[in-house]
């Protein structure tokens, strides 16, 4: 609407802490793998970095590694959103890229997809549904979820095709902030790790 003030909402997206499967490079979609001790330490460290912000609403994937990260980071009442679950990797669930390429040389998830799982466009549609709930919140939002899902959600925030998520590397237990420059959706910060002496861009 002409004359409307530009949007000011900030969305902090937080990838869950480390799991045994993420440490091993295994594709972890719908398998409900818990955090490791290291992952719980990482998640607890997020609390200090998130405490200074003003969060009106928090959302989480319903999978344990995300909900546990949210709880340890200070958001035990984060609302579970089905649409924030990780990419369904189908027949490639639990497998590493190297193992898959032993059968399919040159395989690239973002281009070639997975058998018996979701397409990147289907994950993008879920990200759009999650963004509708996020944008409806009355202020800043924290979102706890998974690497590939959050990369696709970021692409959709920017108005890009879901496969552009390939361009946004995201480490475990990192903080990234989406927001606006005037009316334009932008990335304000990306892949920031919480460390004992303060946040550090990795």
N, C-alpha and C. Protein backbone atom coordinates (compact mmCIF):
# COMPACT_ATOMS: atom_id res chain seq x y z
N UNK A 1 0.85 -1.19 0.00
CA UNK A 1 0.00 0.00 0.00
C UNK A 1 0.89 1.24 0.00
N UNK A 2 0.53 2.21 -0.86
CA UNK A 2 1.30 3.45 -0.95
C UNK A 2 1.24 4.19 0.39
N UNK A 3 2.40 4.62 0.85
CA UNK A 3 2.45 5.35 2.10
C UNK A 3 2.62 4.47 3.33
N UNK A 4 2.57 3.15 3.15
CA UNK A 4 2.77 2.25 4.29
C UNK A 4 4.23 2.27 4.71
N UNK A 5 4.51 2.17 6.01
CA UNK A 5 5.91 2.13 6.45
C UNK A 5 6.56 0.83 6.01
N UNK A 6 7.86 0.82 5.77
CA UNK A 6 8.54 -0.41 5.36
C UNK A 6 8.50 -1.44 6.49
N UNK A 7 8.50 -2.72 6.16
CA UNK A 7 8.50 -3.76 7.20
C UNK A 7 9.79 -3.73 8.00
N UNK A 8 9.69 -4.10 9.25
CA UNK A 8 10.87 -4.07 10.14
C UNK A 8 11.15 -5.42 10.80
N UNK A 9 10.34 -6.42 10.53
CA UNK A 9 10.51 -7.72 11.19
C UNK A 9 11.89 -8.31 10.91
N UNK A 10 12.48 -8.88 11.96
CA UNK A 10 13.72 -9.64 11.82
C UNK A 10 13.44 -11.10 12.18
N UNK A 11 14.00 -11.99 11.39
CA UNK A 11 13.81 -13.42 11.61
C UNK A 11 15.18 -14.06 11.81
N UNK A 12 15.43 -14.56 13.01
CA UNK A 12 16.69 -15.25 13.29
C UNK A 12 16.47 -16.73 13.06
N UNK A 13 17.22 -17.29 12.12
CA UNK A 13 17.11 -18.72 11.82
C UNK A 13 18.30 -19.43 12.45
N UNK A 14 18.00 -20.52 13.16
CA UNK A 14 19.01 -21.23 13.94
C UNK A 14 19.02 -22.69 13.54
N UNK A 15 20.13 -23.15 12.99
CA UNK A 15 20.27 -24.58 12.71
C UNK A 15 20.53 -25.30 14.02
N UNK A 16 19.97 -26.50 14.17
CA UNK A 16 20.16 -27.28 15.39
C UNK A 16 21.63 -27.63 15.61
N UNK A 17 21.94 -28.04 16.84
CA UNK A 17 23.30 -28.44 17.19
C UNK A 17 23.69 -29.77 16.55
N UNK A 18 24.92 -30.18 16.79
CA UNK A 18 25.49 -31.37 16.16
C UNK A 18 24.79 -32.65 16.59
N UNK A 19 24.70 -33.58 15.66
CA UNK A 19 24.22 -34.94 15.93
C UNK A 19 25.28 -35.92 15.41
N UNK A 20 25.15 -37.19 15.77
CA UNK A 20 26.10 -38.18 15.25
C UNK A 20 26.04 -38.23 13.73
N UNK A 21 24.86 -38.12 13.18
CA UNK A 21 24.71 -38.19 11.73
C UNK A 21 25.26 -36.95 11.04
N UNK A 22 25.04 -35.78 11.61
CA UNK A 22 25.58 -34.58 10.96
C UNK A 22 27.10 -34.58 11.02
N UNK A 23 27.65 -35.06 12.12
CA UNK A 23 29.11 -35.15 12.23
C UNK A 23 29.70 -36.10 11.19
N UNK A 24 28.93 -37.14 10.84
CA UNK A 24 29.40 -38.14 9.88
C UNK A 24 29.04 -37.78 8.44
N UNK A 25 28.35 -36.65 8.25
CA UNK A 25 27.98 -36.24 6.90
C UNK A 25 26.84 -37.04 6.31
N UNK A 26 26.03 -37.66 7.17
CA UNK A 26 24.91 -38.48 6.68
C UNK A 26 23.67 -37.60 6.50
N UNK A 27 22.97 -37.79 5.41
CA UNK A 27 21.76 -37.02 5.15
C UNK A 27 20.70 -37.39 6.18
N UNK A 28 20.31 -36.42 6.97
CA UNK A 28 19.39 -36.64 8.08
C UNK A 28 18.12 -35.85 7.82
N UNK A 29 17.12 -36.55 7.31
CA UNK A 29 15.86 -35.89 7.02
C UNK A 29 14.84 -36.12 8.12
N UNK A 30 14.05 -37.17 7.97
CA UNK A 30 12.96 -37.43 8.90
C UNK A 30 13.37 -38.33 10.07
N UNK A 31 14.57 -38.92 10.03
CA UNK A 31 15.03 -39.73 11.15
C UNK A 31 15.22 -38.83 12.37
N UNK A 32 14.67 -39.24 13.51
CA UNK A 32 14.68 -38.36 14.68
C UNK A 32 15.92 -38.59 15.52
N UNK A 33 17.05 -38.10 15.03
CA UNK A 33 18.34 -38.27 15.68
C UNK A 33 18.52 -37.18 16.74
N UNK A 34 18.92 -37.56 17.98
CA UNK A 34 19.09 -36.55 19.04
C UNK A 34 20.42 -35.82 18.91
N UNK A 35 20.56 -34.75 19.65
CA UNK A 35 21.83 -34.05 19.73
C UNK A 35 22.88 -34.90 20.44
N UNK A 36 24.12 -34.70 20.08
CA UNK A 36 25.23 -35.27 20.84
C UNK A 36 25.50 -34.36 22.04
N UNK A 37 26.42 -34.80 22.92
CA UNK A 37 26.82 -33.92 24.02
C UNK A 37 27.37 -32.60 23.49
N UNK A 38 28.14 -32.67 22.42
CA UNK A 38 28.67 -31.45 21.81
C UNK A 38 27.52 -30.58 21.29
N UNK A 39 26.54 -31.23 20.68
CA UNK A 39 25.40 -30.49 20.16
C UNK A 39 24.62 -29.79 21.26
N UNK A 40 24.50 -30.45 22.41
CA UNK A 40 23.80 -29.81 23.54
C UNK A 40 24.61 -28.63 24.08
N UNK A 41 25.93 -28.76 24.09
CA UNK A 41 26.78 -27.63 24.51
C UNK A 41 26.63 -26.47 23.55
N UNK A 42 26.62 -26.77 22.26
CA UNK A 42 26.44 -25.73 21.25
C UNK A 42 25.10 -25.03 21.43
N UNK A 43 24.04 -25.82 21.65
CA UNK A 43 22.70 -25.25 21.79
C UNK A 43 22.61 -24.38 23.04
N UNK A 44 23.22 -24.81 24.13
CA UNK A 44 23.20 -24.02 25.36
C UNK A 44 23.92 -22.70 25.18
N UNK A 45 25.00 -22.70 24.37
CA UNK A 45 25.75 -21.46 24.13
C UNK A 45 24.92 -20.43 23.38
N UNK A 46 23.92 -20.89 22.64
CA UNK A 46 23.07 -19.95 21.89
C UNK A 46 22.26 -19.04 22.80
N UNK A 47 22.00 -19.52 24.03
CA UNK A 47 21.13 -18.77 24.93
C UNK A 47 21.64 -17.34 25.14
N UNK A 48 22.94 -17.19 25.37
CA UNK A 48 23.49 -15.86 25.63
C UNK A 48 23.37 -14.97 24.40
N UNK A 49 23.57 -15.54 23.22
CA UNK A 49 23.50 -14.73 22.00
C UNK A 49 22.07 -14.31 21.68
N UNK A 50 21.10 -15.13 22.08
CA UNK A 50 19.70 -14.83 21.77
C UNK A 50 19.03 -13.99 22.85
N UNK A 51 19.64 -13.95 24.03
CA UNK A 51 18.99 -13.28 25.16
C UNK A 51 18.86 -11.77 24.96
N UNK A 52 19.75 -11.19 24.17
CA UNK A 52 19.73 -9.74 24.02
C UNK A 52 18.67 -9.25 23.04
N UNK A 53 18.10 -10.18 22.26
CA UNK A 53 17.12 -9.78 21.27
C UNK A 53 15.71 -9.76 21.83
N UNK A 54 14.81 -9.12 21.09
CA UNK A 54 13.40 -9.07 21.45
C UNK A 54 12.65 -9.98 20.49
N UNK A 55 12.21 -11.14 20.98
CA UNK A 55 11.55 -12.13 20.14
C UNK A 55 10.08 -12.22 20.52
N UNK A 56 9.21 -11.95 19.56
CA UNK A 56 7.77 -12.00 19.81
C UNK A 56 7.22 -13.41 19.67
N UNK A 57 7.87 -14.24 18.86
CA UNK A 57 7.40 -15.61 18.63
C UNK A 57 8.57 -16.48 18.25
N UNK A 58 8.50 -17.75 18.63
CA UNK A 58 9.53 -18.72 18.26
C UNK A 58 8.85 -19.95 17.68
N UNK A 59 9.43 -20.48 16.61
CA UNK A 59 8.92 -21.66 15.95
C UNK A 59 10.03 -22.69 15.84
N UNK A 60 9.66 -23.96 15.82
CA UNK A 60 10.65 -25.03 15.72
C UNK A 60 10.13 -26.16 14.85
N UNK A 61 11.04 -26.83 14.19
CA UNK A 61 10.72 -28.13 13.60
C UNK A 61 10.31 -29.05 14.73
N UNK A 62 9.37 -29.98 14.49
CA UNK A 62 8.97 -30.91 15.56
C UNK A 62 9.98 -32.01 15.84
N UNK A 63 11.05 -32.12 15.06
CA UNK A 63 12.04 -33.17 15.27
C UNK A 63 12.92 -32.84 16.49
N UNK A 64 13.31 -33.88 17.22
CA UNK A 64 13.95 -33.73 18.52
C UNK A 64 15.19 -32.84 18.47
N UNK A 65 16.02 -32.99 17.45
CA UNK A 65 17.27 -32.21 17.41
C UNK A 65 16.99 -30.71 17.33
N UNK A 66 15.86 -30.33 16.76
CA UNK A 66 15.49 -28.92 16.70
C UNK A 66 14.81 -28.47 17.98
N UNK A 67 13.87 -29.27 18.49
CA UNK A 67 13.16 -28.86 19.71
C UNK A 67 14.10 -28.80 20.90
N UNK A 68 15.07 -29.73 20.96
CA UNK A 68 16.03 -29.71 22.06
C UNK A 68 16.94 -28.49 21.95
N UNK A 69 17.33 -28.13 20.73
CA UNK A 69 18.13 -26.92 20.54
C UNK A 69 17.35 -25.70 21.00
N UNK A 70 16.07 -25.63 20.63
CA UNK A 70 15.25 -24.50 21.05
C UNK A 70 15.15 -24.41 22.57
N UNK A 71 14.93 -25.54 23.21
CA UNK A 71 14.79 -25.55 24.67
C UNK A 71 16.08 -25.10 25.34
N UNK A 72 17.21 -25.66 24.92
CA UNK A 72 18.49 -25.31 25.54
C UNK A 72 18.88 -23.86 25.25
N UNK A 73 18.39 -23.34 24.14
CA UNK A 73 18.70 -21.95 23.78
C UNK A 73 17.78 -20.95 24.47
N UNK A 74 16.84 -21.46 25.28
CA UNK A 74 15.98 -20.56 26.04
C UNK A 74 14.57 -20.39 25.52
N UNK A 75 14.14 -21.29 24.59
CA UNK A 75 12.81 -21.19 24.01
C UNK A 75 12.07 -22.53 24.14
N UNK A 76 11.79 -22.96 25.39
CA UNK A 76 11.12 -24.26 25.59
C UNK A 76 9.69 -24.28 25.06
N UNK A 77 9.10 -23.11 24.86
CA UNK A 77 7.71 -23.05 24.40
C UNK A 77 7.59 -22.69 22.92
N UNK A 78 8.67 -22.89 22.17
CA UNK A 78 8.61 -22.62 20.74
C UNK A 78 7.52 -23.48 20.09
N UNK A 79 6.79 -22.89 19.17
CA UNK A 79 5.67 -23.57 18.52
C UNK A 79 6.16 -24.51 17.43
N UNK A 80 5.85 -25.81 17.50
CA UNK A 80 6.27 -26.73 16.44
C UNK A 80 5.50 -26.45 15.15
N UNK A 81 6.22 -26.41 14.04
CA UNK A 81 5.62 -26.26 12.72
C UNK A 81 6.03 -27.45 11.86
N UNK A 82 5.05 -28.21 11.42
CA UNK A 82 5.29 -29.38 10.57
C UNK A 82 6.11 -28.99 9.33
N UNK A 83 5.86 -27.81 8.81
CA UNK A 83 6.52 -27.39 7.57
C UNK A 83 8.00 -27.09 7.75
N UNK A 84 8.48 -27.01 9.00
CA UNK A 84 9.90 -26.76 9.25
C UNK A 84 10.74 -28.03 9.32
N UNK A 85 10.13 -29.19 9.09
CA UNK A 85 10.92 -30.43 9.08
C UNK A 85 11.94 -30.39 7.94
N UNK A 86 13.00 -31.19 8.10
CA UNK A 86 14.06 -31.23 7.10
C UNK A 86 13.56 -31.90 5.82
N UNK A 87 14.27 -31.66 4.74
CA UNK A 87 14.05 -32.30 3.44
C UNK A 87 13.88 -33.81 3.65
N UNK A 88 12.89 -34.40 3.02
CA UNK A 88 12.72 -35.86 3.04
C UNK A 88 13.64 -36.42 1.97
N UNK A 89 14.73 -37.11 2.40
CA UNK A 89 15.73 -37.61 1.46
C UNK A 89 15.38 -38.98 0.89
N UNK A 90 14.22 -39.52 1.25
CA UNK A 90 13.77 -40.76 0.64
C UNK A 90 14.78 -41.89 0.78
N UNK A 91 15.12 -42.50 -0.35
CA UNK A 91 16.03 -43.65 -0.36
C UNK A 91 17.45 -43.27 0.05
N UNK A 92 17.77 -41.98 0.08
CA UNK A 92 19.11 -41.55 0.45
C UNK A 92 19.22 -41.14 1.92
N UNK A 93 18.16 -41.35 2.68
CA UNK A 93 18.20 -41.05 4.11
C UNK A 93 19.33 -41.83 4.79
N UNK A 94 20.13 -41.13 5.57
CA UNK A 94 21.21 -41.76 6.33
C UNK A 94 22.47 -42.02 5.54
N UNK A 95 22.48 -41.70 4.26
CA UNK A 95 23.65 -41.97 3.42
C UNK A 95 24.49 -40.70 3.24
N UNK A 96 25.77 -40.90 2.96
CA UNK A 96 26.66 -39.77 2.72
C UNK A 96 26.72 -39.46 1.23
N UNK A 97 27.14 -38.24 0.92
CA UNK A 97 27.29 -37.86 -0.48
C UNK A 97 28.30 -38.76 -1.18
N UNK A 98 29.41 -39.07 -0.50
CA UNK A 98 30.43 -39.94 -1.11
C UNK A 98 29.85 -41.31 -1.43
N UNK A 99 29.05 -41.86 -0.52
CA UNK A 99 28.46 -43.16 -0.76
C UNK A 99 27.49 -43.15 -1.93
N UNK A 100 26.69 -42.10 -2.02
CA UNK A 100 25.74 -41.98 -3.13
C UNK A 100 26.47 -41.83 -4.45
N UNK A 101 27.55 -41.05 -4.45
CA UNK A 101 28.30 -40.84 -5.69
C UNK A 101 29.04 -42.09 -6.15
N UNK A 102 29.21 -43.05 -5.23
CA UNK A 102 29.76 -44.33 -5.64
C UNK A 102 28.83 -45.06 -6.60
N UNK A 103 27.53 -44.77 -6.49
CA UNK A 103 26.52 -45.37 -7.38
C UNK A 103 26.12 -44.40 -8.49
N UNK A 104 26.13 -43.10 -8.18
CA UNK A 104 25.71 -42.07 -9.14
C UNK A 104 26.81 -41.01 -9.22
N UNK A 105 27.85 -41.25 -10.01
CA UNK A 105 28.96 -40.29 -10.09
C UNK A 105 28.45 -38.89 -10.44
N UNK A 106 28.98 -37.92 -9.69
CA UNK A 106 28.61 -36.54 -9.94
C UNK A 106 27.28 -36.11 -9.36
N UNK A 107 26.65 -36.99 -8.58
CA UNK A 107 25.34 -36.64 -8.02
C UNK A 107 25.42 -35.36 -7.20
N UNK A 108 24.40 -34.49 -7.40
CA UNK A 108 24.33 -33.21 -6.70
C UNK A 108 22.89 -33.03 -6.25
N UNK A 109 22.71 -33.02 -4.93
CA UNK A 109 21.36 -32.98 -4.36
C UNK A 109 20.50 -31.91 -4.99
N UNK A 110 21.03 -30.68 -5.09
CA UNK A 110 20.23 -29.54 -5.51
C UNK A 110 19.81 -29.63 -6.97
N UNK A 111 20.52 -30.42 -7.75
CA UNK A 111 20.19 -30.57 -9.18
C UNK A 111 19.47 -31.88 -9.46
N UNK A 112 19.95 -32.97 -8.81
CA UNK A 112 19.50 -34.31 -9.17
C UNK A 112 18.42 -34.87 -8.26
N UNK A 113 18.25 -34.28 -7.07
CA UNK A 113 17.20 -34.73 -6.18
C UNK A 113 17.45 -36.11 -5.59
N UNK A 114 16.39 -36.69 -5.04
CA UNK A 114 16.49 -37.98 -4.35
C UNK A 114 15.34 -38.88 -4.78
N UNK A 115 15.58 -40.18 -4.91
CA UNK A 115 14.47 -41.09 -5.21
C UNK A 115 13.60 -41.32 -3.98
N UNK A 116 12.31 -41.37 -4.19
CA UNK A 116 11.33 -41.70 -3.14
C UNK A 116 11.23 -40.64 -2.04
N UNK A 117 11.76 -39.45 -2.31
CA UNK A 117 11.69 -38.38 -1.32
C UNK A 117 11.05 -37.14 -1.90
N UNK A 118 11.35 -35.97 -1.31
CA UNK A 118 10.79 -34.72 -1.79
C UNK A 118 11.67 -34.10 -2.87
N UNK A 119 11.04 -33.35 -3.76
CA UNK A 119 11.77 -32.50 -4.68
C UNK A 119 12.11 -31.19 -3.97
N UNK A 120 13.07 -30.47 -4.52
CA UNK A 120 13.42 -29.19 -3.92
C UNK A 120 12.23 -28.23 -4.00
N UNK A 121 11.41 -28.36 -5.04
CA UNK A 121 10.23 -27.51 -5.15
C UNK A 121 9.21 -27.81 -4.05
N UNK A 122 9.07 -29.08 -3.69
CA UNK A 122 8.16 -29.43 -2.60
C UNK A 122 8.65 -28.89 -1.26
N UNK A 123 9.95 -28.94 -1.03
CA UNK A 123 10.49 -28.35 0.19
C UNK A 123 10.28 -26.83 0.16
N UNK A 124 10.43 -26.24 -1.02
CA UNK A 124 10.20 -24.81 -1.16
C UNK A 124 8.76 -24.43 -0.82
N UNK A 125 7.81 -25.28 -1.20
CA UNK A 125 6.41 -25.00 -0.87
C UNK A 125 6.19 -25.05 0.63
N UNK A 126 6.86 -25.97 1.31
CA UNK A 126 6.75 -26.02 2.78
C UNK A 126 7.39 -24.78 3.41
N UNK A 127 8.52 -24.36 2.84
CA UNK A 127 9.17 -23.15 3.35
C UNK A 127 8.26 -21.94 3.19
N UNK A 128 7.55 -21.86 2.07
CA UNK A 128 6.61 -20.76 1.86
C UNK A 128 5.51 -20.77 2.91
N UNK A 129 5.00 -21.97 3.24
CA UNK A 129 3.95 -22.07 4.26
C UNK A 129 4.49 -21.65 5.62
N UNK A 130 5.73 -22.05 5.93
CA UNK A 130 6.34 -21.63 7.20
C UNK A 130 6.53 -20.12 7.23
N UNK A 131 6.94 -19.55 6.13
CA UNK A 131 7.15 -18.10 6.08
C UNK A 131 5.84 -17.33 6.27
N UNK A 132 4.73 -17.90 5.81
CA UNK A 132 3.44 -17.25 6.03
C UNK A 132 3.15 -17.14 7.52
N UNK A 133 3.45 -18.21 8.27
CA UNK A 133 3.24 -18.17 9.73
C UNK A 133 4.22 -17.21 10.39
N UNK A 134 5.46 -17.21 9.92
CA UNK A 134 6.48 -16.33 10.49
C UNK A 134 6.12 -14.86 10.27
N UNK A 135 5.72 -14.53 9.06
CA UNK A 135 5.40 -13.13 8.74
C UNK A 135 4.14 -12.65 9.44
N UNK A 136 3.30 -13.58 9.87
CA UNK A 136 2.08 -13.21 10.59
C UNK A 136 2.34 -12.90 12.06
N UNK A 137 3.54 -13.23 12.54
CA UNK A 137 3.88 -12.95 13.94
C UNK A 137 3.98 -11.44 14.16
N UNK A 138 3.64 -10.97 15.38
CA UNK A 138 3.58 -9.53 15.63
C UNK A 138 4.91 -8.88 16.00
N UNK A 139 6.00 -9.41 15.48
CA UNK A 139 7.31 -8.86 15.82
C UNK A 139 8.40 -9.78 15.33
N UNK A 140 9.57 -9.68 15.96
CA UNK A 140 10.71 -10.49 15.56
C UNK A 140 10.49 -11.95 15.95
N UNK A 141 11.13 -12.84 15.19
CA UNK A 141 10.87 -14.27 15.31
C UNK A 141 12.19 -15.04 15.36
N UNK A 142 12.22 -16.13 16.15
CA UNK A 142 13.31 -17.10 16.15
C UNK A 142 12.79 -18.39 15.55
N UNK A 143 13.58 -19.00 14.66
CA UNK A 143 13.18 -20.23 13.98
C UNK A 143 14.28 -21.27 14.14
N UNK A 144 13.93 -22.40 14.74
CA UNK A 144 14.87 -23.49 14.96
C UNK A 144 14.54 -24.64 14.01
N UNK A 145 15.50 -24.97 13.16
CA UNK A 145 15.20 -26.02 12.18
C UNK A 145 16.51 -26.63 11.67
N UNK A 146 16.55 -26.97 10.38
CA UNK A 146 17.59 -27.83 9.82
C UNK A 146 18.32 -27.14 8.67
N UNK A 147 19.51 -27.64 8.37
CA UNK A 147 20.38 -26.99 7.40
C UNK A 147 19.76 -26.74 6.05
N UNK A 148 19.32 -27.80 5.37
CA UNK A 148 18.80 -27.62 4.02
C UNK A 148 17.47 -26.86 4.03
N UNK A 149 16.61 -27.18 4.99
CA UNK A 149 15.33 -26.48 5.07
C UNK A 149 15.54 -24.98 5.25
N UNK A 150 16.44 -24.60 6.15
CA UNK A 150 16.67 -23.18 6.40
C UNK A 150 17.33 -22.49 5.22
N UNK A 151 18.15 -23.19 4.49
CA UNK A 151 18.77 -22.60 3.30
C UNK A 151 17.70 -22.34 2.23
N UNK A 152 16.76 -23.26 2.10
CA UNK A 152 15.67 -23.07 1.14
C UNK A 152 14.72 -21.97 1.62
N UNK A 153 14.44 -21.95 2.92
CA UNK A 153 13.59 -20.89 3.47
C UNK A 153 14.22 -19.52 3.21
N UNK A 154 15.53 -19.43 3.33
CA UNK A 154 16.23 -18.17 3.07
C UNK A 154 16.10 -17.77 1.61
N UNK A 155 16.27 -18.72 0.71
CA UNK A 155 16.09 -18.42 -0.72
C UNK A 155 14.68 -17.89 -0.98
N UNK A 156 13.69 -18.49 -0.36
CA UNK A 156 12.31 -18.05 -0.58
C UNK A 156 12.07 -16.68 0.07
N UNK A 157 12.70 -16.41 1.22
CA UNK A 157 12.61 -15.08 1.85
C UNK A 157 13.08 -14.01 0.87
N UNK A 158 14.13 -14.33 0.13
CA UNK A 158 14.71 -13.40 -0.83
C UNK A 158 13.97 -13.37 -2.16
N UNK A 159 12.96 -14.24 -2.32
CA UNK A 159 12.23 -14.31 -3.57
C UNK A 159 12.92 -15.13 -4.64
N UNK A 160 13.88 -15.97 -4.26
CA UNK A 160 14.63 -16.81 -5.19
C UNK A 160 14.00 -18.19 -5.30
N UNK A 161 14.29 -18.88 -6.39
CA UNK A 161 13.85 -20.27 -6.52
C UNK A 161 14.46 -21.11 -5.40
N UNK A 162 13.75 -22.16 -4.93
CA UNK A 162 14.25 -22.96 -3.81
C UNK A 162 15.66 -23.50 -4.00
N UNK A 163 16.02 -23.86 -5.23
CA UNK A 163 17.35 -24.46 -5.47
C UNK A 163 18.48 -23.49 -5.20
N UNK A 164 18.19 -22.17 -5.08
CA UNK A 164 19.24 -21.22 -4.73
C UNK A 164 19.71 -21.42 -3.29
N UNK A 165 19.01 -22.24 -2.52
CA UNK A 165 19.49 -22.59 -1.19
C UNK A 165 20.88 -23.21 -1.21
N UNK A 166 21.27 -23.74 -2.37
CA UNK A 166 22.60 -24.33 -2.49
C UNK A 166 23.71 -23.33 -2.23
N UNK A 167 23.40 -22.04 -2.33
CA UNK A 167 24.42 -20.99 -2.22
C UNK A 167 24.67 -20.52 -0.80
N UNK A 168 23.90 -21.06 0.17
CA UNK A 168 23.98 -20.55 1.55
C UNK A 168 24.47 -21.64 2.50
N UNK A 169 25.78 -21.80 2.64
CA UNK A 169 26.33 -22.79 3.55
C UNK A 169 25.93 -22.43 4.99
N UNK A 170 25.59 -23.45 5.78
CA UNK A 170 25.07 -23.20 7.13
C UNK A 170 25.58 -24.26 8.09
N UNK A 171 26.34 -23.84 9.11
CA UNK A 171 26.90 -24.76 10.08
C UNK A 171 25.95 -25.06 11.22
N UNK A 172 26.21 -26.13 11.98
CA UNK A 172 25.37 -26.47 13.14
C UNK A 172 25.40 -25.37 14.20
N UNK A 173 24.26 -25.16 14.84
CA UNK A 173 24.14 -24.22 15.97
C UNK A 173 24.62 -22.82 15.60
N UNK A 174 24.30 -22.38 14.39
CA UNK A 174 24.65 -21.03 13.97
C UNK A 174 23.41 -20.15 13.91
N UNK A 175 23.64 -18.85 13.98
CA UNK A 175 22.58 -17.85 13.93
C UNK A 175 22.70 -17.06 12.63
N UNK A 176 21.59 -16.87 11.97
CA UNK A 176 21.54 -16.02 10.77
C UNK A 176 20.29 -15.15 10.88
N UNK A 177 20.36 -13.94 10.40
CA UNK A 177 19.25 -13.01 10.55
C UNK A 177 18.75 -12.53 9.20
N UNK A 178 17.46 -12.70 8.97
CA UNK A 178 16.78 -12.21 7.77
C UNK A 178 16.00 -10.96 8.15
N UNK A 179 15.95 -10.01 7.26
CA UNK A 179 15.22 -8.78 7.55
C UNK A 179 14.94 -8.03 6.28
N UNK A 180 14.93 -6.71 6.40
CA UNK A 180 14.58 -5.87 5.25
C UNK A 180 15.54 -4.69 5.14
N UNK A 181 15.78 -4.28 3.91
CA UNK A 181 16.36 -2.97 3.63
C UNK A 181 15.25 -2.19 2.92
N UNK A 182 14.67 -1.26 3.66
CA UNK A 182 13.42 -0.63 3.24
C UNK A 182 12.38 -1.72 2.97
N UNK A 183 11.87 -1.86 1.76
CA UNK A 183 10.86 -2.89 1.52
C UNK A 183 11.45 -4.20 1.00
N UNK A 184 12.76 -4.25 0.79
CA UNK A 184 13.38 -5.41 0.15
C UNK A 184 13.84 -6.44 1.17
N UNK A 185 13.39 -7.70 1.08
CA UNK A 185 13.90 -8.75 1.97
C UNK A 185 15.39 -8.99 1.71
N UNK A 186 16.17 -9.04 2.78
CA UNK A 186 17.62 -9.20 2.66
C UNK A 186 18.12 -10.15 3.76
N UNK A 187 19.38 -10.55 3.64
CA UNK A 187 20.11 -11.24 4.70
C UNK A 187 20.90 -10.19 5.47
N UNK A 188 20.66 -10.08 6.77
CA UNK A 188 21.36 -9.11 7.60
C UNK A 188 22.64 -9.68 8.20
N UNK A 189 22.64 -10.97 8.50
CA UNK A 189 23.85 -11.66 8.96
C UNK A 189 23.69 -13.13 8.64
N UNK A 190 24.84 -13.83 8.55
CA UNK A 190 24.74 -15.23 8.11
C UNK A 190 25.80 -16.09 8.78
N UNK A 191 25.36 -17.27 9.25
CA UNK A 191 26.26 -18.33 9.70
C UNK A 191 27.17 -17.88 10.85
N UNK A 192 26.58 -17.21 11.82
CA UNK A 192 27.32 -16.70 12.97
C UNK A 192 27.30 -17.74 14.09
N UNK A 193 28.46 -18.15 14.55
CA UNK A 193 28.56 -19.13 15.63
C UNK A 193 28.72 -18.42 16.98
N UNK A 194 28.07 -18.94 17.99
CA UNK A 194 28.25 -18.43 19.35
C UNK A 194 29.47 -19.11 19.97
N UNK A 195 30.42 -18.29 20.43
CA UNK A 195 31.65 -18.81 21.05
C UNK A 195 31.79 -18.17 22.42
N UNK A 196 32.60 -18.75 23.31
CA UNK A 196 32.68 -18.22 24.69
C UNK A 196 32.95 -16.74 24.78
N UNK A 197 33.75 -16.18 23.87
CA UNK A 197 34.08 -14.76 23.95
C UNK A 197 33.11 -13.87 23.15
N UNK A 198 32.05 -14.47 22.63
CA UNK A 198 31.10 -13.68 21.87
C UNK A 198 30.87 -14.27 20.49
N UNK A 199 29.90 -13.74 19.75
CA UNK A 199 29.60 -14.28 18.44
C UNK A 199 30.76 -14.07 17.47
N UNK A 200 30.93 -15.02 16.58
CA UNK A 200 32.02 -14.96 15.61
C UNK A 200 31.52 -15.51 14.30
N UNK A 201 31.75 -14.81 13.20
CA UNK A 201 31.33 -15.27 11.89
C UNK A 201 32.28 -16.35 11.42
N UNK A 202 31.72 -17.53 11.12
CA UNK A 202 32.56 -18.65 10.66
C UNK A 202 32.64 -18.69 9.16
